C-alpha atoms as a PDB file:
ATOM      1  CA  UNK A   1     -39.746  98.321-223.538  1.00  0.00           C
ATOM      2  CA  UNK A   2     -37.587 101.240-224.592  1.00  0.00           C
ATOM      3  CA  UNK A   3     -35.337 100.651-221.602  1.00  0.00           C
ATOM      4  CA  UNK A   4     -34.838  96.994-222.567  1.00  0.00           C
ATOM      5  CA  UNK A   5     -34.005  97.990-226.124  1.00  0.00           C
ATOM      6  CA  UNK A   6     -31.482 100.495-224.814  1.00  0.00           C
ATOM      7  CA  UNK A   7     -29.800  97.829-222.725  1.00  0.00           C
ATOM      8  CA  UNK A   8     -29.693  95.496-225.708  1.00  0.00           C
ATOM      9  CA  UNK A   9     -28.106  98.206-227.847  1.00  0.00           C
ATOM     10  CA  UNK A  10     -25.463  98.834-225.196  1.00  0.00           C
ATOM     11  CA  UNK A  11     -24.787  95.106-224.987  1.00  0.00           C
ATOM     12  CA  UNK A  12     -24.355  94.810-228.738  1.00  0.00           C
ATOM     13  CA  UNK A  13     -22.021  97.796-228.758  1.00  0.00           C
ATOM     14  CA  UNK A  14     -19.891  96.257-226.029  1.00  0.00           C
ATOM     15  CA  UNK A  15     -19.670  92.987-227.949  1.00  0.00           C
ATOM     16  CA  UNK A  16     -18.675  94.786-231.140  1.00  0.00           C
ATOM     17  CA  UNK A  17     -16.003  96.758-229.314  1.00  0.00           C
ATOM     18  CA  UNK A  18     -14.706  93.569-227.721  1.00  0.00           C
ATOM     19  CA  UNK A  19     -14.550  91.871-231.113  1.00  0.00           C
ATOM     20  CA  UNK A  20     -12.706  94.865-232.561  1.00  0.00           C
ATOM     21  CA  UNK A  21     -10.223  94.716-229.702  1.00  0.00           C
ATOM     22  CA  UNK A  22      -9.322  91.193-230.691  1.00  0.00           C
ATOM     23  CA  UNK A  23      -8.894  92.160-234.345  1.00  0.00           C
ATOM     24  CA  UNK A  24      -5.256  93.129-234.040  1.00  0.00           C
ATOM     25  CA  UNK A  25      -2.369  92.971-236.515  1.00  0.00           C
ATOM     26  CA  UNK A  26       0.138  90.154-236.362  1.00  0.00           C
ATOM     27  CA  UNK A  27       3.286  91.041-234.438  1.00  0.00           C
ATOM     28  CA  UNK A  28       6.724  90.927-236.038  1.00  0.00           C
ATOM     29  CA  UNK A  29       7.343  87.311-235.033  1.00  0.00           C
ATOM     30  CA  UNK A  30       3.984  86.189-236.361  1.00  0.00           C
ATOM     31  CA  UNK A  31       4.637  88.076-239.590  1.00  0.00           C
ATOM     32  CA  UNK A  32       8.027  86.424-240.039  1.00  0.00           C
ATOM     33  CA  UNK A  33       6.426  83.036-239.550  1.00  0.00           C
ATOM     34  CA  UNK A  34       3.583  83.673-242.004  1.00  0.00           C
ATOM     35  CA  UNK A  35       5.790  85.227-244.660  1.00  0.00           C
ATOM     36  CA  UNK A  36       8.351  82.448-244.473  1.00  0.00           C
ATOM     37  CA  UNK A  37       5.741  79.732-244.828  1.00  0.00           C
ATOM     38  CA  UNK A  38       4.175  81.561-247.779  1.00  0.00           C
ATOM     39  CA  UNK A  39       7.513  81.702-249.587  1.00  0.00           C
ATOM     40  CA  UNK A  40       7.958  78.012-248.907  1.00  0.00           C
ATOM     41  CA  UNK A  41       4.481  77.306-250.257  1.00  0.00           C
ATOM     42  CA  UNK A  42       5.171  78.842-253.642  1.00  0.00           C
ATOM     43  CA  UNK A  43       8.589  77.161-253.710  1.00  0.00           C
ATOM     44  CA  UNK A  44       6.847  73.791-253.353  1.00  0.00           C
ATOM     45  CA  UNK A  45       4.337  74.856-256.001  1.00  0.00           C
ATOM     46  CA  UNK A  46       7.136  75.835-258.373  1.00  0.00           C
ATOM     47  CA  UNK A  47       9.100  72.609-258.005  1.00  0.00           C
ATOM     48  CA  UNK A  48       5.956  70.483-258.460  1.00  0.00           C
ATOM     49  CA  UNK A  49       5.125  72.525-261.569  1.00  0.00           C
ATOM     50  CA  UNK A  50       8.633  72.003-262.908  1.00  0.00           C
ATOM     51  CA  UNK A  51       8.312  68.290-262.207  1.00  0.00           C
ATOM     52  CA  UNK A  52       4.982  68.161-264.055  1.00  0.00           C
ATOM     53  CA  UNK A  53       6.380  69.924-267.111  1.00  0.00           C
ATOM     54  CA  UNK A  54       9.437  67.673-267.098  1.00  0.00           C
ATOM     55  CA  UNK A  55       7.281  64.556-266.830  1.00  0.00           C
ATOM     56  CA  UNK A  56       5.269  65.690-269.854  1.00  0.00           C
ATOM     57  CA  UNK A  57       8.394  66.329-271.902  1.00  0.00           C
ATOM     58  CA  UNK A  58      10.009  63.018-270.934  1.00  0.00           C
ATOM     59  CA  UNK A  59       6.858  61.009-271.596  1.00  0.00           C
ATOM     60  CA  UNK A  60       6.481  62.212-275.175  1.00  0.00           C
ATOM     61  CA  UNK A  61      10.086  61.598-276.234  1.00  0.00           C
ATOM     62  CA  UNK A  62      10.869  58.994-278.832  1.00  0.00           C
ATOM     63  CA  UNK A  63      11.488  55.676-277.148  1.00  0.00           C
ATOM     64  CA  UNK A  64      10.697  56.991-273.677  1.00  0.00           C
ATOM     65  CA  UNK A  65       9.384  54.588-271.041  1.00  0.00           C
ATOM     66  CA  UNK A  66       8.240  57.437-268.777  1.00  0.00           C
ATOM     67  CA  UNK A  67       4.567  57.352-267.838  1.00  0.00           C
ATOM     68  CA  UNK A  68       3.575  60.950-267.176  1.00  0.00           C
ATOM     69  CA  UNK A  69       0.796  60.167-264.702  1.00  0.00           C
ATOM     70  CA  UNK A  70       3.074  58.013-262.572  1.00  0.00           C
ATOM     71  CA  UNK A  71       5.871  60.556-262.843  1.00  0.00           C
ATOM     72  CA  UNK A  72       3.951  63.555-261.477  1.00  0.00           C
ATOM     73  CA  UNK A  73       2.723  61.550-258.500  1.00  0.00           C
ATOM     74  CA  UNK A  74       5.968  59.787-257.612  1.00  0.00           C
ATOM     75  CA  UNK A  75       8.504  62.662-257.413  1.00  0.00           C
ATOM     76  CA  UNK A  76      11.236  60.370-258.821  1.00  0.00           C
ATOM     77  CA  UNK A  77      14.158  62.660-257.974  1.00  0.00           C
ATOM     78  CA  UNK A  78      12.774  63.647-254.569  1.00  0.00           C
ATOM     79  CA  UNK A  79      12.897  67.369-255.346  1.00  0.00           C
ATOM     80  CA  UNK A  80       9.337  68.078-254.229  1.00  0.00           C
ATOM     81  CA  UNK A  81       9.870  66.204-250.980  1.00  0.00           C
ATOM     82  CA  UNK A  82      13.037  68.208-250.361  1.00  0.00           C
ATOM     83  CA  UNK A  83      11.196  71.518-250.735  1.00  0.00           C
ATOM     84  CA  UNK A  84       8.340  70.273-248.558  1.00  0.00           C
ATOM     85  CA  UNK A  85      10.867  69.340-245.868  1.00  0.00           C
ATOM     86  CA  UNK A  86      12.101  72.938-245.901  1.00  0.00           C
ATOM     87  CA  UNK A  87       8.562  74.098-245.110  1.00  0.00           C
ATOM     88  CA  UNK A  88       8.521  71.763-242.112  1.00  0.00           C
ATOM     89  CA  UNK A  89      11.921  72.981-240.960  1.00  0.00           C
ATOM     90  CA  UNK A  90      11.006  76.644-241.309  1.00  0.00           C
ATOM     91  CA  UNK A  91       7.775  76.068-239.423  1.00  0.00           C
ATOM     92  CA  UNK A  92       9.782  74.565-236.558  1.00  0.00           C
ATOM     93  CA  UNK A  93      12.307  77.409-236.572  1.00  0.00           C
ATOM     94  CA  UNK A  94      10.048  80.387-237.261  1.00  0.00           C
ATOM     95  CA  UNK A  95       6.600  79.407-236.022  1.00  0.00           C
ATOM     96  CA  UNK A  96       6.446  76.585-233.497  1.00  0.00           C
ATOM     97  CA  UNK A  97       7.988  78.459-230.576  1.00  0.00           C
ATOM     98  CA  UNK A  98       6.228  81.816-230.899  1.00  0.00           C
ATOM     99  CA  UNK A  99       3.405  82.701-228.554  1.00  0.00           C
ATOM    100  CA  UNK A 100       0.772  83.499-229.518  1.00  0.00           C
ATOM    101  CA  UNK A 101       0.697  81.628-232.801  1.00  0.00           C
ATOM    102  CA  UNK A 102      -0.557  83.512-235.874  1.00  0.00           C
ATOM    103  CA  UNK A 103      -4.344  83.638-235.675  1.00  0.00           C
ATOM    104  CA  UNK A 104      -5.079  84.084-239.394  1.00  0.00           C
ATOM    105  CA  UNK A 105      -3.492  83.526-242.824  1.00  0.00           C
ATOM    106  CA  UNK A 106      -1.575  80.549-241.430  1.00  0.00           C
ATOM    107  CA  UNK A 107      -2.454  76.864-241.141  1.00  0.00           C
ATOM    108  CA  UNK A 108       0.238  74.177-240.984  1.00  0.00           C
ATOM    109  CA  UNK A 109       3.145  72.906-243.088  1.00  0.00           C
ATOM    110  CA  UNK A 110       1.200  69.747-243.944  1.00  0.00           C
ATOM    111  CA  UNK A 111      -1.745  71.754-245.251  1.00  0.00           C
ATOM    112  CA  UNK A 112       0.316  74.226-247.287  1.00  0.00           C
ATOM    113  CA  UNK A 113       2.565  71.574-248.821  1.00  0.00           C
ATOM    114  CA  UNK A 114      -0.421  69.471-249.823  1.00  0.00           C
ATOM    115  CA  UNK A 115      -2.252  72.505-251.210  1.00  0.00           C
ATOM    116  CA  UNK A 116       0.714  73.524-253.368  1.00  0.00           C
ATOM    117  CA  UNK A 117       1.318  70.028-254.740  1.00  0.00           C
ATOM    118  CA  UNK A 118      -2.349  69.357-255.401  1.00  0.00           C
ATOM    119  CA  UNK A 119      -2.845  72.681-257.158  1.00  0.00           C
ATOM    120  CA  UNK A 120      -0.141  71.832-259.682  1.00  0.00           C
ATOM    121  CA  UNK A 121      -1.343  68.289-260.242  1.00  0.00           C
ATOM    122  CA  UNK A 122      -4.889  69.529-260.753  1.00  0.00           C
ATOM    123  CA  UNK A 123      -3.681  72.174-263.188  1.00  0.00           C
ATOM    124  CA  UNK A 124      -1.739  69.746-265.375  1.00  0.00           C
ATOM    125  CA  UNK A 125      -4.791  67.487-265.480  1.00  0.00           C
ATOM    126  CA  UNK A 126      -6.926  70.489-266.437  1.00  0.00           C
ATOM    127  CA  UNK A 127      -4.635  71.098-269.402  1.00  0.00           C
ATOM    128  CA  UNK A 128      -4.131  67.540-270.686  1.00  0.00           C
ATOM    129  CA  UNK A 129      -6.733  65.392-268.956  1.00  0.00           C
ATOM    130  CA  UNK A 130      -6.621  62.486-266.526  1.00  0.00           C
ATOM    131  CA  UNK A 131      -4.809  60.198-266.881  1.00  0.00           C
ATOM    132  CA  UNK A 132      -2.260  62.480-268.489  1.00  0.00           C
ATOM    133  CA  UNK A 133      -0.843  60.032-271.002  1.00  0.00           C
ATOM    134  CA  UNK A 134      -4.146  59.657-272.832  1.00  0.00           C
ATOM    135  CA  UNK A 135      -4.022  63.337-273.756  1.00  0.00           C
ATOM    136  CA  UNK A 136      -0.388  63.484-274.885  1.00  0.00           C
ATOM    137  CA  UNK A 137       1.007  63.218-278.420  1.00  0.00           C
ATOM    138  CA  UNK A 138       4.212  61.238-278.900  1.00  0.00           C
ATOM    139  CA  UNK A 139       6.922  63.176-280.697  1.00  0.00           C
ATOM    140  CA  UNK A 140       7.928  60.373-283.058  1.00  0.00           C
ATOM    141  CA  UNK A 141       4.417  60.027-284.479  1.00  0.00           C
ATOM    142  CA  UNK A 142       3.035  63.530-283.972  1.00  0.00           C
ATOM    143  CA  UNK A 143       6.008  65.948-283.861  1.00  0.00           C
ATOM    144  CA  UNK A 144       4.006  69.141-284.403  1.00  0.00           C
ATOM    145  CA  UNK A 145       1.401  68.328-281.778  1.00  0.00           C
ATOM    146  CA  UNK A 146       4.127  67.236-279.379  1.00  0.00           C
ATOM    147  CA  UNK A 147       6.019  70.480-279.850  1.00  0.00           C
ATOM    148  CA  UNK A 148       2.849  72.468-279.188  1.00  0.00           C
ATOM    149  CA  UNK A 149       2.135  70.682-275.928  1.00  0.00           C
ATOM    150  CA  UNK A 150       5.705  71.004-274.692  1.00  0.00           C
ATOM    151  CA  UNK A 151       5.772  74.727-275.377  1.00  0.00           C
ATOM    152  CA  UNK A 152       2.351  75.498-273.935  1.00  0.00           C
ATOM    153  CA  UNK A 153       2.936  73.712-270.641  1.00  0.00           C
ATOM    154  CA  UNK A 154       5.862  76.042-269.901  1.00  0.00           C
ATOM    155  CA  UNK A 155       3.710  79.125-270.547  1.00  0.00           C
ATOM    156  CA  UNK A 156       0.908  77.819-268.369  1.00  0.00           C
ATOM    157  CA  UNK A 157       3.358  77.304-265.523  1.00  0.00           C
ATOM    158  CA  UNK A 158       4.783  80.803-265.995  1.00  0.00           C
ATOM    159  CA  UNK A 159       1.300  82.277-265.714  1.00  0.00           C
ATOM    160  CA  UNK A 160       0.760  80.512-262.412  1.00  0.00           C
ATOM    161  CA  UNK A 161       4.104  81.682-261.051  1.00  0.00           C
ATOM    162  CA  UNK A 162       3.184  85.282-261.880  1.00  0.00           C
ATOM    163  CA  UNK A 163       0.049  85.075-259.741  1.00  0.00           C
ATOM    164  CA  UNK A 164       1.833  83.440-256.818  1.00  0.00           C
ATOM    165  CA  UNK A 165       4.642  85.985-256.820  1.00  0.00           C
ATOM    166  CA  UNK A 166       2.236  88.925-256.763  1.00  0.00           C
ATOM    167  CA  UNK A 167       0.213  87.384-253.947  1.00  0.00           C
ATOM    168  CA  UNK A 168       3.204  86.808-251.674  1.00  0.00           C
ATOM    169  CA  UNK A 169       4.426  90.390-252.100  1.00  0.00           C
ATOM    170  CA  UNK A 170       0.963  91.774-251.456  1.00  0.00           C
ATOM    171  CA  UNK A 171       0.533  89.614-248.379  1.00  0.00           C
ATOM    172  CA  UNK A 172       3.868  90.734-246.926  1.00  0.00           C
ATOM    173  CA  UNK A 173       2.807  94.355-247.348  1.00  0.00           C
ATOM    174  CA  UNK A 174      -0.691  93.713-246.013  1.00  0.00           C
ATOM    175  CA  UNK A 175       0.630  92.202-242.778  1.00  0.00           C
ATOM    176  CA  UNK A 176       3.171  94.972-242.193  1.00  0.00           C
ATOM    177  CA  UNK A 177       2.165  98.020-240.187  1.00  0.00           C
ATOM    178  CA  UNK A 178       2.713 101.326-241.948  1.00  0.00           C
ATOM    179  CA  UNK A 179       2.424  99.995-245.489  1.00  0.00           C
ATOM    180  CA  UNK A 180      -0.361  99.873-248.045  1.00  0.00           C
ATOM    181  CA  UNK A 181      -2.805  98.275-248.548  1.00  0.00           C
ATOM    182  CA  UNK A 182      -3.524  98.202-244.776  1.00  0.00           C
ATOM    183  CA  UNK A 183      -1.464 100.905-243.035  1.00  0.00           C
ATOM    184  CA  UNK A 184      -2.632  99.682-239.627  1.00  0.00           C
ATOM    185  CA  UNK A 185      -1.809  96.106-240.567  1.00  0.00           C
ATOM    186  CA  UNK A 186      -4.143  93.353-241.738  1.00  0.00           C
ATOM    187  CA  UNK A 187      -6.235  92.022-238.869  1.00  0.00           C
ATOM    188  CA  UNK A 188      -8.195  89.135-240.391  1.00  0.00           C
ATOM    189  CA  UNK A 189      -8.179  86.570-243.156  1.00  0.00           C
ATOM    190  CA  UNK A 190     -10.557  88.619-245.304  1.00  0.00           C
ATOM    191  CA  UNK A 191      -7.918  91.363-245.511  1.00  0.00           C
ATOM    192  CA  UNK A 192      -5.436  88.888-246.951  1.00  0.00           C
ATOM    193  CA  UNK A 193      -8.067  87.559-249.345  1.00  0.00           C
ATOM    194  CA  UNK A 194      -8.197  91.028-250.875  1.00  0.00           C
ATOM    195  CA  UNK A 195      -4.632  90.481-252.075  1.00  0.00           C
ATOM    196  CA  UNK A 196      -6.253  88.064-254.508  1.00  0.00           C
ATOM    197  CA  UNK A 197      -9.651  89.550-255.277  1.00  0.00           C
ATOM    198  CA  UNK A 198      -9.677  93.330-254.811  1.00  0.00           C
ATOM    199  CA  UNK A 199      -8.801  95.237-257.979  1.00  0.00           C
ATOM    200  CA  UNK A 200      -8.794  98.493-255.977  1.00  0.00           C
ATOM    201  CA  UNK A 201      -5.649  97.311-254.166  1.00  0.00           C
ATOM    202  CA  UNK A 202      -2.753  97.981-256.560  1.00  0.00           C
ATOM    203  CA  UNK A 203      -0.649  95.161-255.114  1.00  0.00           C
ATOM    204  CA  UNK A 204      -3.359  92.528-255.628  1.00  0.00           C
ATOM    205  CA  UNK A 205      -3.464  89.705-258.121  1.00  0.00           C
ATOM    206  CA  UNK A 206      -6.725  91.059-259.509  1.00  0.00           C
ATOM    207  CA  UNK A 207      -5.207  94.510-260.109  1.00  0.00           C
ATOM    208  CA  UNK A 208      -2.095  93.119-261.856  1.00  0.00           C
ATOM    209  CA  UNK A 209      -0.684  96.627-261.760  1.00  0.00           C
ATOM    210  CA  UNK A 210       2.648  95.677-263.305  1.00  0.00           C
ATOM    211  CA  UNK A 211       0.860  93.583-265.980  1.00  0.00           C
ATOM    212  CA  UNK A 212       2.870  90.469-265.143  1.00  0.00           C
ATOM    213  CA  UNK A 213      -0.211  88.289-265.388  1.00  0.00           C
ATOM    214  CA  UNK A 214      -1.606  89.834-268.555  1.00  0.00           C
ATOM    215  CA  UNK A 215       1.845  89.665-270.153  1.00  0.00           C
ATOM    216  CA  UNK A 216       2.183  85.980-269.268  1.00  0.00           C
ATOM    217  CA  UNK A 217      -1.255  85.289-270.739  1.00  0.00           C
ATOM    218  CA  UNK A 218      -0.349  87.176-273.913  1.00  0.00           C
ATOM    219  CA  UNK A 219       2.801  85.061-274.153  1.00  0.00           C
ATOM    220  CA  UNK A 220       0.651  81.955-273.801  1.00  0.00           C
ATOM    221  CA  UNK A 221      -1.445  83.073-276.773  1.00  0.00           C
ATOM    222  CA  UNK A 222       1.679  83.942-278.781  1.00  0.00           C
ATOM    223  CA  UNK A 223       3.117  80.507-278.049  1.00  0.00           C
ATOM    224  CA  UNK A 224      -0.087  78.806-279.192  1.00  0.00           C
ATOM    225  CA  UNK A 225      -0.090  80.910-282.364  1.00  0.00           C
ATOM    226  CA  UNK A 226       3.505  80.002-283.144  1.00  0.00           C
ATOM    227  CA  UNK A 227       3.541  76.306-282.295  1.00  0.00           C
ATOM    228  CA  UNK A 228       0.021  74.916-282.201  1.00  0.00           C
ATOM    229  CA  UNK A 229      -2.830  73.760-284.402  1.00  0.00           C
ATOM    230  CA  UNK A 230      -0.663  73.180-287.448  1.00  0.00           C
ATOM    231  CA  UNK A 231      -2.726  70.073-288.129  1.00  0.00           C
ATOM    232  CA  UNK A 232      -6.391  69.150-287.687  1.00  0.00           C
ATOM    233  CA  UNK A 233      -5.670  67.473-284.343  1.00  0.00           C
ATOM    234  CA  UNK A 234      -6.861  69.066-281.105  1.00  0.00           C
ATOM    235  CA  UNK A 235      -3.740  69.236-278.939  1.00  0.00           C
ATOM    236  CA  UNK A 236      -5.782  69.758-275.759  1.00  0.00           C
ATOM    237  CA  UNK A 237      -8.576  67.279-276.393  1.00  0.00           C
ATOM    238  CA  UNK A 238      -8.082  65.499-273.078  1.00  0.00           C
ATOM    239  CA  UNK A 239      -8.360  68.492-270.767  1.00  0.00           C
ATOM    240  CA  UNK A 240     -11.104  70.920-269.824  1.00  0.00           C
ATOM    241  CA  UNK A 241     -10.644  73.107-272.926  1.00  0.00           C
ATOM    242  CA  UNK A 242     -11.234  70.697-275.850  1.00  0.00           C
ATOM    243  CA  UNK A 243     -11.914  72.052-279.316  1.00  0.00           C
ATOM    244  CA  UNK A 244     -10.940  75.632-278.507  1.00  0.00           C
ATOM    245  CA  UNK A 245      -8.499  77.696-280.564  1.00  0.00           C
ATOM    246  CA  UNK A 246      -6.479  80.873-280.140  1.00  0.00           C
ATOM    247  CA  UNK A 247      -7.669  83.378-277.565  1.00  0.00           C
ATOM    248  CA  UNK A 248     -10.637  81.178-276.600  1.00  0.00           C
ATOM    249  CA  UNK A 249      -8.230  78.400-275.673  1.00  0.00           C
ATOM    250  CA  UNK A 250      -5.794  80.631-273.816  1.00  0.00           C
ATOM    251  CA  UNK A 251      -8.661  82.303-271.919  1.00  0.00           C
ATOM    252  CA  UNK A 252      -9.890  78.855-270.896  1.00  0.00           C
ATOM    253  CA  UNK A 253      -6.433  77.745-269.768  1.00  0.00           C
ATOM    254  CA  UNK A 254      -5.883  81.024-267.923  1.00  0.00           C
ATOM    255  CA  UNK A 255      -9.132  80.519-266.044  1.00  0.00           C
ATOM    256  CA  UNK A 256      -7.891  77.151-264.866  1.00  0.00           C
ATOM    257  CA  UNK A 257      -4.611  78.685-263.737  1.00  0.00           C
ATOM    258  CA  UNK A 258      -6.582  81.277-261.745  1.00  0.00           C
ATOM    259  CA  UNK A 259      -8.742  78.537-260.274  1.00  0.00           C
ATOM    260  CA  UNK A 260      -5.828  76.366-259.142  1.00  0.00           C
ATOM    261  CA  UNK A 261      -3.840  79.312-257.802  1.00  0.00           C
ATOM    262  CA  UNK A 262      -6.901  80.480-255.872  1.00  0.00           C
ATOM    263  CA  UNK A 263      -7.573  77.030-254.450  1.00  0.00           C
ATOM    264  CA  UNK A 264      -3.975  76.777-253.316  1.00  0.00           C
ATOM    265  CA  UNK A 265      -3.807  80.056-251.388  1.00  0.00           C
ATOM    266  CA  UNK A 266      -7.364  79.716-250.113  1.00  0.00           C
ATOM    267  CA  UNK A 267      -6.567  76.325-248.589  1.00  0.00           C
ATOM    268  CA  UNK A 268      -3.066  77.210-247.422  1.00  0.00           C
ATOM    269  CA  UNK A 269      -4.192  80.398-245.657  1.00  0.00           C
ATOM    270  CA  UNK A 270      -7.847  79.548-244.873  1.00  0.00           C
ATOM    271  CA  UNK A 271      -9.111  82.666-246.672  1.00  0.00           C
ATOM    272  CA  UNK A 272     -12.686  81.671-247.634  1.00  0.00           C
ATOM    273  CA  UNK A 273     -12.433  83.006-251.211  1.00  0.00           C
ATOM    274  CA  UNK A 274     -15.112  82.000-253.692  1.00  0.00           C
ATOM    275  CA  UNK A 275     -12.620  80.714-256.243  1.00  0.00           C
ATOM    276  CA  UNK A 276     -15.223  79.890-258.885  1.00  0.00           C
ATOM    277  CA  UNK A 277     -16.520  83.458-258.862  1.00  0.00           C
ATOM    278  CA  UNK A 278     -13.065  85.008-258.827  1.00  0.00           C
ATOM    279  CA  UNK A 279     -11.619  82.771-261.533  1.00  0.00           C
ATOM    280  CA  UNK A 280     -14.640  83.267-263.753  1.00  0.00           C
ATOM    281  CA  UNK A 281     -15.602  79.656-264.297  1.00  0.00           C
ATOM    282  CA  UNK A 282     -15.803  76.165-262.869  1.00  0.00           C
ATOM    283  CA  UNK A 283     -13.335  75.582-260.050  1.00  0.00           C
ATOM    284  CA  UNK A 284     -13.800  72.183-258.408  1.00  0.00           C
END
């Protein structure tokens, strides 16, 4: 019996060593592919976010015929489609011909483009509700409420951009050999996930070492304080944070930004992050 156990132990050891042998860093061509697609992902995210904010602002103008819900889904000027096409082009130029293909932290241009667009659409619905127009105040009838909503949407978008920018820089460093946080180079998706979740990694989103995220959230609160709740109306009654004021409201909105950012990178890179746990609340 002892001899059988010994053989089993040797077999397990061999399997573990074999698995470790396959856990290797991405080579320079794989890294270039992954990093390029990540930059494209947040570029698509940014242009969809800009579209969403613009649709909100156009829809609430006096005499405007813009329907915000239709606007965010139709990409009327084609700017989102243009950025998404760049992802496809870069994938062809930087990724399609390399062998082997990246084996983690990379999916496909279709997946990353969809993840970036959906994250922004979900976020704007979190803030104002779905359909959007039911949660918006028209400027000619409700100028103070309208001003509040227009100002806050910009701050919410800035908060999301801060998280995305930190993640991309951390991921570049994580993949590279000879750099923190993984001097030997990241070897699996869970390493990249730590660029979101691990506060012990200074470059991570959770660590926010340069306080870009906390500063953006403080600016969100300052914007609410300056422009919002000047009347008895609840400017965010249609979204997931109804009836909240001040820091309670901005904490709620920030949680939704964290959720949507997390969902985007988790889907785009197949990272298996528990986004509800990390964001600190519901994250459908």
